Amino acid sequence: VEYFQSSVPFIFTPPGTPDTPVTPTGPVFCFSGDTLVHVKNKGSTLMKNLELDDEVRVGWNTFSRVYSFGHRHETISGEYLQLFIDKSSPPLEISPDHMVFLSGGRAVPASSLQVG
């Protein structure tokens, strides 16, 4: 697993909850603004260009509406992992602590993923 500093200053911060408060030692963000997502009726879009009410693909023919942004920071960069799903798609740039769902529904931190 390799980490990199994003050169893109637009990032999202995850909201904390009473059960899992966000207590960062440095900037904590979910995704790089350079992460490419598929938006319904728009096509491929960088996360930094998302707007409220956009519908982002979250599964096969499944979309989720953007109803808020935790925070948008245009002057702060964060540390991300690059997850490559296949050779023809750009990587998902995600924070090490962001949860990723495995087949079967179990969620794990992105930093615990292994090739294979």
N, C-alpha and C. Protein backbone atom coordinates (compact mmCIF):
# COMPACT_ATOMS: atom_id res chain seq x y z
N VAL A 1 0.86 -1.18 0.00
CA VAL A 1 0.00 0.00 0.00
C VAL A 1 0.89 1.23 0.00
N GLU A 2 0.68 2.10 -0.96
CA GLU A 2 1.48 3.31 -1.04
C GLU A 2 0.63 4.53 -0.75
N TYR A 3 1.22 5.51 -0.08
CA TYR A 3 0.55 6.75 0.24
C TYR A 3 1.12 7.85 -0.64
N PHE A 4 0.33 8.86 -0.92
CA PHE A 4 0.83 10.00 -1.65
C PHE A 4 0.10 11.24 -1.16
N GLN A 5 0.74 12.37 -1.35
CA GLN A 5 0.12 13.66 -1.04
C GLN A 5 -0.58 14.14 -2.29
N SER A 6 -1.83 14.48 -2.17
CA SER A 6 -2.56 14.99 -3.31
C SER A 6 -2.11 16.40 -3.63
N SER A 7 -1.91 16.67 -4.91
CA SER A 7 -1.59 18.02 -5.33
C SER A 7 -2.86 18.82 -5.55
N VAL A 8 -3.98 18.16 -5.44
CA VAL A 8 -5.27 18.83 -5.63
C VAL A 8 -5.76 19.35 -4.29
N PRO A 9 -6.00 20.64 -4.18
CA PRO A 9 -6.36 21.21 -2.89
C PRO A 9 -7.82 21.08 -2.52
N PHE A 10 -8.62 20.36 -3.27
CA PHE A 10 -10.04 20.21 -2.95
C PHE A 10 -10.27 18.82 -2.40
N ILE A 11 -10.81 18.72 -1.22
CA ILE A 11 -11.01 17.42 -0.60
C ILE A 11 -12.26 17.43 0.26
N PHE A 12 -12.75 16.27 0.58
CA PHE A 12 -13.91 16.10 1.43
C PHE A 12 -13.47 15.64 2.80
N THR A 13 -14.15 16.07 3.84
CA THR A 13 -13.86 15.56 5.18
C THR A 13 -15.03 14.70 5.62
N PRO A 14 -14.76 13.61 6.31
CA PRO A 14 -15.84 12.74 6.76
C PRO A 14 -16.52 13.33 7.99
N PRO A 15 -17.83 13.21 8.06
CA PRO A 15 -18.51 13.68 9.26
C PRO A 15 -18.29 12.70 10.40
N GLY A 16 -18.13 13.19 11.62
CA GLY A 16 -18.04 12.32 12.77
C GLY A 16 -19.43 12.00 13.29
N THR A 17 -19.54 10.95 14.05
CA THR A 17 -20.80 10.61 14.70
C THR A 17 -20.50 10.41 16.18
N PRO A 18 -21.50 10.42 17.02
CA PRO A 18 -21.23 10.18 18.44
C PRO A 18 -20.50 8.87 18.71
N ASP A 19 -20.78 7.84 17.88
CA ASP A 19 -20.14 6.54 18.08
C ASP A 19 -18.74 6.48 17.50
N THR A 20 -18.48 7.25 16.44
CA THR A 20 -17.17 7.24 15.80
C THR A 20 -16.74 8.68 15.53
N PRO A 21 -16.35 9.41 16.57
CA PRO A 21 -15.95 10.80 16.34
C PRO A 21 -14.67 10.89 15.53
N VAL A 22 -14.55 11.95 14.77
CA VAL A 22 -13.33 12.20 13.99
C VAL A 22 -12.38 12.96 14.89
N THR A 23 -11.23 12.34 15.19
CA THR A 23 -10.22 12.99 16.02
C THR A 23 -8.89 12.94 15.29
N PRO A 24 -8.75 13.76 14.25
CA PRO A 24 -7.55 13.68 13.42
C PRO A 24 -6.32 14.24 14.10
N THR A 25 -5.16 13.67 13.76
CA THR A 25 -3.89 14.25 14.19
C THR A 25 -3.39 15.20 13.11
N GLY A 26 -3.93 15.10 11.94
CA GLY A 26 -3.65 15.97 10.80
C GLY A 26 -4.92 16.00 9.97
N PRO A 27 -4.86 16.55 8.77
CA PRO A 27 -6.07 16.57 7.95
C PRO A 27 -6.58 15.17 7.67
N VAL A 28 -7.88 14.96 7.80
CA VAL A 28 -8.51 13.68 7.51
C VAL A 28 -9.60 13.95 6.48
N PHE A 29 -9.48 13.29 5.33
CA PHE A 29 -10.42 13.52 4.25
C PHE A 29 -10.74 12.19 3.59
N CYS A 30 -11.92 12.10 3.05
CA CYS A 30 -12.33 10.84 2.42
C CYS A 30 -11.70 10.61 1.06
N PHE A 31 -11.83 11.59 0.17
CA PHE A 31 -11.40 11.41 -1.20
C PHE A 31 -10.66 12.64 -1.71
N SER A 32 -9.78 12.41 -2.64
CA SER A 32 -9.11 13.49 -3.35
C SER A 32 -10.10 14.13 -4.31
N GLY A 33 -9.98 15.41 -4.54
CA GLY A 33 -10.81 16.09 -5.52
C GLY A 33 -10.56 15.60 -6.93
N ASP A 34 -9.41 14.91 -7.15
CA ASP A 34 -9.09 14.35 -8.46
C ASP A 34 -9.70 12.98 -8.70
N THR A 35 -10.43 12.46 -7.73
CA THR A 35 -11.07 11.16 -7.90
C THR A 35 -12.20 11.30 -8.91
N LEU A 36 -12.20 10.41 -9.88
CA LEU A 36 -13.21 10.43 -10.94
C LEU A 36 -14.38 9.54 -10.53
N VAL A 37 -15.59 10.07 -10.63
CA VAL A 37 -16.80 9.31 -10.32
C VAL A 37 -17.77 9.42 -11.49
N HIS A 38 -18.73 8.52 -11.54
CA HIS A 38 -19.75 8.57 -12.59
C HIS A 38 -21.01 9.20 -12.02
N VAL A 39 -21.44 10.28 -12.64
CA VAL A 39 -22.64 11.00 -12.20
C VAL A 39 -23.75 10.75 -13.21
N LYS A 40 -24.92 10.37 -12.69
CA LYS A 40 -26.08 10.09 -13.53
C LYS A 40 -26.40 11.31 -14.39
N ASN A 41 -26.60 11.08 -15.66
CA ASN A 41 -26.95 12.11 -16.66
C ASN A 41 -25.84 13.12 -16.92
N LYS A 42 -24.64 12.90 -16.36
CA LYS A 42 -23.50 13.78 -16.63
C LYS A 42 -22.29 13.00 -17.13
N GLY A 43 -22.14 11.76 -16.65
CA GLY A 43 -20.97 10.96 -17.01
C GLY A 43 -19.84 11.14 -16.02
N SER A 44 -18.61 10.90 -16.48
CA SER A 44 -17.44 10.98 -15.61
C SER A 44 -17.21 12.41 -15.13
N THR A 45 -17.02 12.55 -13.83
CA THR A 45 -16.89 13.87 -13.20
C THR A 45 -15.86 13.78 -12.08
N LEU A 46 -14.98 14.77 -11.96
CA LEU A 46 -14.07 14.82 -10.82
C LEU A 46 -14.86 15.17 -9.57
N MET A 47 -14.48 14.60 -8.43
CA MET A 47 -15.20 14.87 -7.19
C MET A 47 -15.21 16.36 -6.86
N LYS A 48 -14.15 17.07 -7.22
CA LYS A 48 -14.12 18.50 -6.93
C LYS A 48 -15.18 19.27 -7.71
N ASN A 49 -15.77 18.63 -8.72
CA ASN A 49 -16.81 19.28 -9.52
C ASN A 49 -18.21 18.81 -9.17
N LEU A 50 -18.35 17.95 -8.16
CA LEU A 50 -19.67 17.50 -7.75
C LEU A 50 -20.49 18.67 -7.20
N GLU A 51 -21.79 18.56 -7.39
CA GLU A 51 -22.73 19.57 -6.89
C GLU A 51 -23.79 18.87 -6.06
N LEU A 52 -24.42 19.62 -5.17
CA LEU A 52 -25.55 19.07 -4.42
C LEU A 52 -26.60 18.57 -5.40
N ASP A 53 -27.23 17.48 -5.06
CA ASP A 53 -28.26 16.80 -5.85
C ASP A 53 -27.73 15.98 -7.02
N ASP A 54 -26.40 16.00 -7.28
CA ASP A 54 -25.85 15.07 -8.25
C ASP A 54 -26.10 13.66 -7.74
N GLU A 55 -26.27 12.72 -8.66
CA GLU A 55 -26.44 11.32 -8.28
C GLU A 55 -25.19 10.55 -8.74
N VAL A 56 -24.45 10.03 -7.76
CA VAL A 56 -23.17 9.37 -8.00
C VAL A 56 -23.36 7.86 -7.98
N ARG A 57 -22.73 7.18 -8.95
CA ARG A 57 -22.83 5.71 -8.99
C ARG A 57 -22.12 5.13 -7.78
N VAL A 58 -22.82 4.28 -7.06
CA VAL A 58 -22.25 3.61 -5.88
C VAL A 58 -22.27 2.09 -6.03
N GLY A 59 -22.81 1.61 -7.14
CA GLY A 59 -22.88 0.18 -7.42
C GLY A 59 -23.36 -0.01 -8.84
N TRP A 60 -23.53 -1.25 -9.24
CA TRP A 60 -23.99 -1.53 -10.59
C TRP A 60 -25.40 -0.98 -10.76
N ASN A 61 -25.56 0.04 -11.60
CA ASN A 61 -26.84 0.71 -11.84
C ASN A 61 -27.49 1.22 -10.56
N THR A 62 -26.70 1.55 -9.56
CA THR A 62 -27.19 2.10 -8.30
C THR A 62 -26.53 3.45 -8.08
N PHE A 63 -27.35 4.46 -7.78
CA PHE A 63 -26.85 5.81 -7.59
C PHE A 63 -27.29 6.35 -6.25
N SER A 64 -26.48 7.23 -5.69
CA SER A 64 -26.79 7.88 -4.42
C SER A 64 -26.69 9.39 -4.61
N ARG A 65 -27.69 10.11 -4.12
CA ARG A 65 -27.75 11.56 -4.27
C ARG A 65 -26.80 12.24 -3.29
N VAL A 66 -26.06 13.24 -3.76
CA VAL A 66 -25.21 14.07 -2.91
C VAL A 66 -26.13 15.05 -2.19
N TYR A 67 -26.26 14.90 -0.87
CA TYR A 67 -27.15 15.79 -0.12
C TYR A 67 -26.39 16.80 0.72
N SER A 68 -25.10 16.60 0.90
CA SER A 68 -24.28 17.58 1.61
C SER A 68 -22.81 17.23 1.43
N PHE A 69 -21.95 18.15 1.77
CA PHE A 69 -20.52 17.92 1.82
C PHE A 69 -20.11 18.18 3.26
N GLY A 70 -19.34 17.25 3.85
CA GLY A 70 -18.87 17.47 5.22
C GLY A 70 -18.13 18.79 5.29
N HIS A 71 -17.20 18.98 4.40
CA HIS A 71 -16.45 20.22 4.25
C HIS A 71 -15.79 20.18 2.89
N ARG A 72 -15.58 21.33 2.34
CA ARG A 72 -14.80 21.46 1.13
C ARG A 72 -13.63 22.37 1.47
N HIS A 73 -12.42 21.88 1.25
CA HIS A 73 -11.23 22.66 1.55
C HIS A 73 -10.47 22.91 0.25
N GLU A 74 -10.32 24.16 -0.10
CA GLU A 74 -9.65 24.49 -1.34
C GLU A 74 -8.19 24.85 -1.13
N THR A 75 -7.71 24.81 0.12
CA THR A 75 -6.32 25.19 0.39
C THR A 75 -5.56 24.14 1.20
N ILE A 76 -6.16 22.97 1.44
CA ILE A 76 -5.53 21.93 2.24
C ILE A 76 -5.38 20.67 1.40
N SER A 77 -4.23 20.01 1.52
CA SER A 77 -4.07 18.73 0.83
C SER A 77 -4.10 17.61 1.87
N GLY A 78 -4.31 16.40 1.42
CA GLY A 78 -4.40 15.26 2.33
C GLY A 78 -3.60 14.09 1.80
N GLU A 79 -3.50 13.05 2.62
CA GLU A 79 -2.78 11.84 2.27
C GLU A 79 -3.78 10.77 1.82
N TYR A 80 -3.50 10.13 0.69
CA TYR A 80 -4.44 9.16 0.11
C TYR A 80 -3.75 7.89 -0.32
N LEU A 81 -4.54 6.84 -0.42
CA LEU A 81 -4.13 5.60 -1.06
C LEU A 81 -4.67 5.64 -2.48
N GLN A 82 -4.00 4.99 -3.39
CA GLN A 82 -4.53 4.82 -4.73
C GLN A 82 -4.94 3.36 -4.87
N LEU A 83 -6.23 3.11 -5.08
CA LEU A 83 -6.74 1.76 -5.26
C LEU A 83 -7.05 1.56 -6.74
N PHE A 84 -6.37 0.61 -7.35
CA PHE A 84 -6.58 0.30 -8.76
C PHE A 84 -7.49 -0.92 -8.85
N ILE A 85 -8.62 -0.76 -9.51
CA ILE A 85 -9.59 -1.85 -9.64
C ILE A 85 -9.25 -2.70 -10.86
N ASP A 86 -8.90 -2.03 -11.97
CA ASP A 86 -8.44 -2.72 -13.17
C ASP A 86 -7.50 -1.78 -13.92
N LYS A 87 -6.87 -2.31 -14.96
CA LYS A 87 -5.84 -1.53 -15.67
C LYS A 87 -6.42 -0.42 -16.53
N SER A 88 -7.72 -0.50 -16.85
CA SER A 88 -8.30 0.48 -17.77
C SER A 88 -8.99 1.63 -17.04
N SER A 89 -9.10 1.57 -15.73
CA SER A 89 -9.79 2.61 -14.97
C SER A 89 -8.80 3.41 -14.13
N PRO A 90 -9.08 4.70 -13.94
CA PRO A 90 -8.21 5.49 -13.05
C PRO A 90 -8.36 4.99 -11.61
N PRO A 91 -7.36 5.23 -10.76
CA PRO A 91 -7.44 4.74 -9.39
C PRO A 91 -8.46 5.53 -8.56
N LEU A 92 -8.96 4.89 -7.52
CA LEU A 92 -9.76 5.56 -6.52
C LEU A 92 -8.76 6.12 -5.50
N GLU A 93 -8.78 7.42 -5.28
CA GLU A 93 -7.88 8.04 -4.31
C GLU A 93 -8.68 8.25 -3.03
N ILE A 94 -8.31 7.50 -1.99
CA ILE A 94 -9.13 7.40 -0.79
C ILE A 94 -8.23 7.50 0.45
N SER A 95 -8.75 8.05 1.52
CA SER A 95 -7.97 8.16 2.75
C SER A 95 -7.75 6.77 3.36
N PRO A 96 -6.65 6.57 4.05
CA PRO A 96 -6.33 5.25 4.62
C PRO A 96 -7.40 4.73 5.59
N ASP A 97 -8.08 5.62 6.30
CA ASP A 97 -9.06 5.19 7.30
C ASP A 97 -10.48 5.11 6.78
N HIS A 98 -10.71 5.47 5.50
CA HIS A 98 -12.05 5.40 4.94
C HIS A 98 -12.46 3.94 4.84
N MET A 99 -13.69 3.64 5.19
CA MET A 99 -14.17 2.26 5.17
C MET A 99 -14.54 1.84 3.75
N VAL A 100 -14.18 0.61 3.42
CA VAL A 100 -14.47 0.00 2.13
C VAL A 100 -15.24 -1.28 2.40
N PHE A 101 -16.33 -1.48 1.67
CA PHE A 101 -17.14 -2.68 1.87
C PHE A 101 -16.62 -3.83 1.01
N LEU A 102 -16.47 -4.99 1.65
CA LEU A 102 -16.04 -6.21 0.97
C LEU A 102 -17.26 -7.00 0.56
N SER A 103 -17.08 -7.98 -0.32
CA SER A 103 -18.20 -8.85 -0.64
C SER A 103 -18.66 -9.51 0.65
N GLY A 104 -19.93 -9.63 0.83
CA GLY A 104 -20.47 -10.15 2.08
C GLY A 104 -20.89 -9.04 3.02
N GLY A 105 -20.55 -7.79 2.69
CA GLY A 105 -21.03 -6.65 3.47
C GLY A 105 -20.14 -6.18 4.61
N ARG A 106 -19.00 -6.84 4.84
CA ARG A 106 -18.10 -6.42 5.91
C ARG A 106 -17.32 -5.19 5.48
N ALA A 107 -17.19 -4.20 6.36
CA ALA A 107 -16.44 -2.98 6.07
C ALA A 107 -15.08 -3.01 6.78
N VAL A 108 -14.04 -2.57 6.06
CA VAL A 108 -12.69 -2.52 6.59
C VAL A 108 -12.05 -1.20 6.18
N PRO A 109 -11.05 -0.71 6.93
CA PRO A 109 -10.33 0.49 6.51
C PRO A 109 -9.59 0.23 5.20
N ALA A 110 -9.53 1.23 4.33
CA ALA A 110 -8.85 1.08 3.05
C ALA A 110 -7.40 0.64 3.24
N SER A 111 -6.76 1.10 4.31
CA SER A 111 -5.35 0.75 4.55
C SER A 111 -5.14 -0.74 4.80
N SER A 112 -6.20 -1.49 5.10
CA SER A 112 -6.05 -2.93 5.36
C SER A 112 -6.22 -3.78 4.10
N LEU A 113 -6.57 -3.16 2.98
CA LEU A 113 -6.76 -3.92 1.74
C LEU A 113 -5.44 -4.46 1.23
N GLN A 114 -5.52 -5.63 0.60
CA GLN A 114 -4.33 -6.26 0.02
C GLN A 114 -4.66 -6.69 -1.40
N VAL A 115 -3.66 -6.77 -2.23
CA VAL A 115 -3.86 -7.23 -3.60
C VAL A 115 -4.32 -8.67 -3.56
N GLY A 116 -5.35 -8.96 -4.37
CA GLY A 116 -5.80 -10.36 -4.47
C GLY A 116 -7.18 -10.60 -4.13
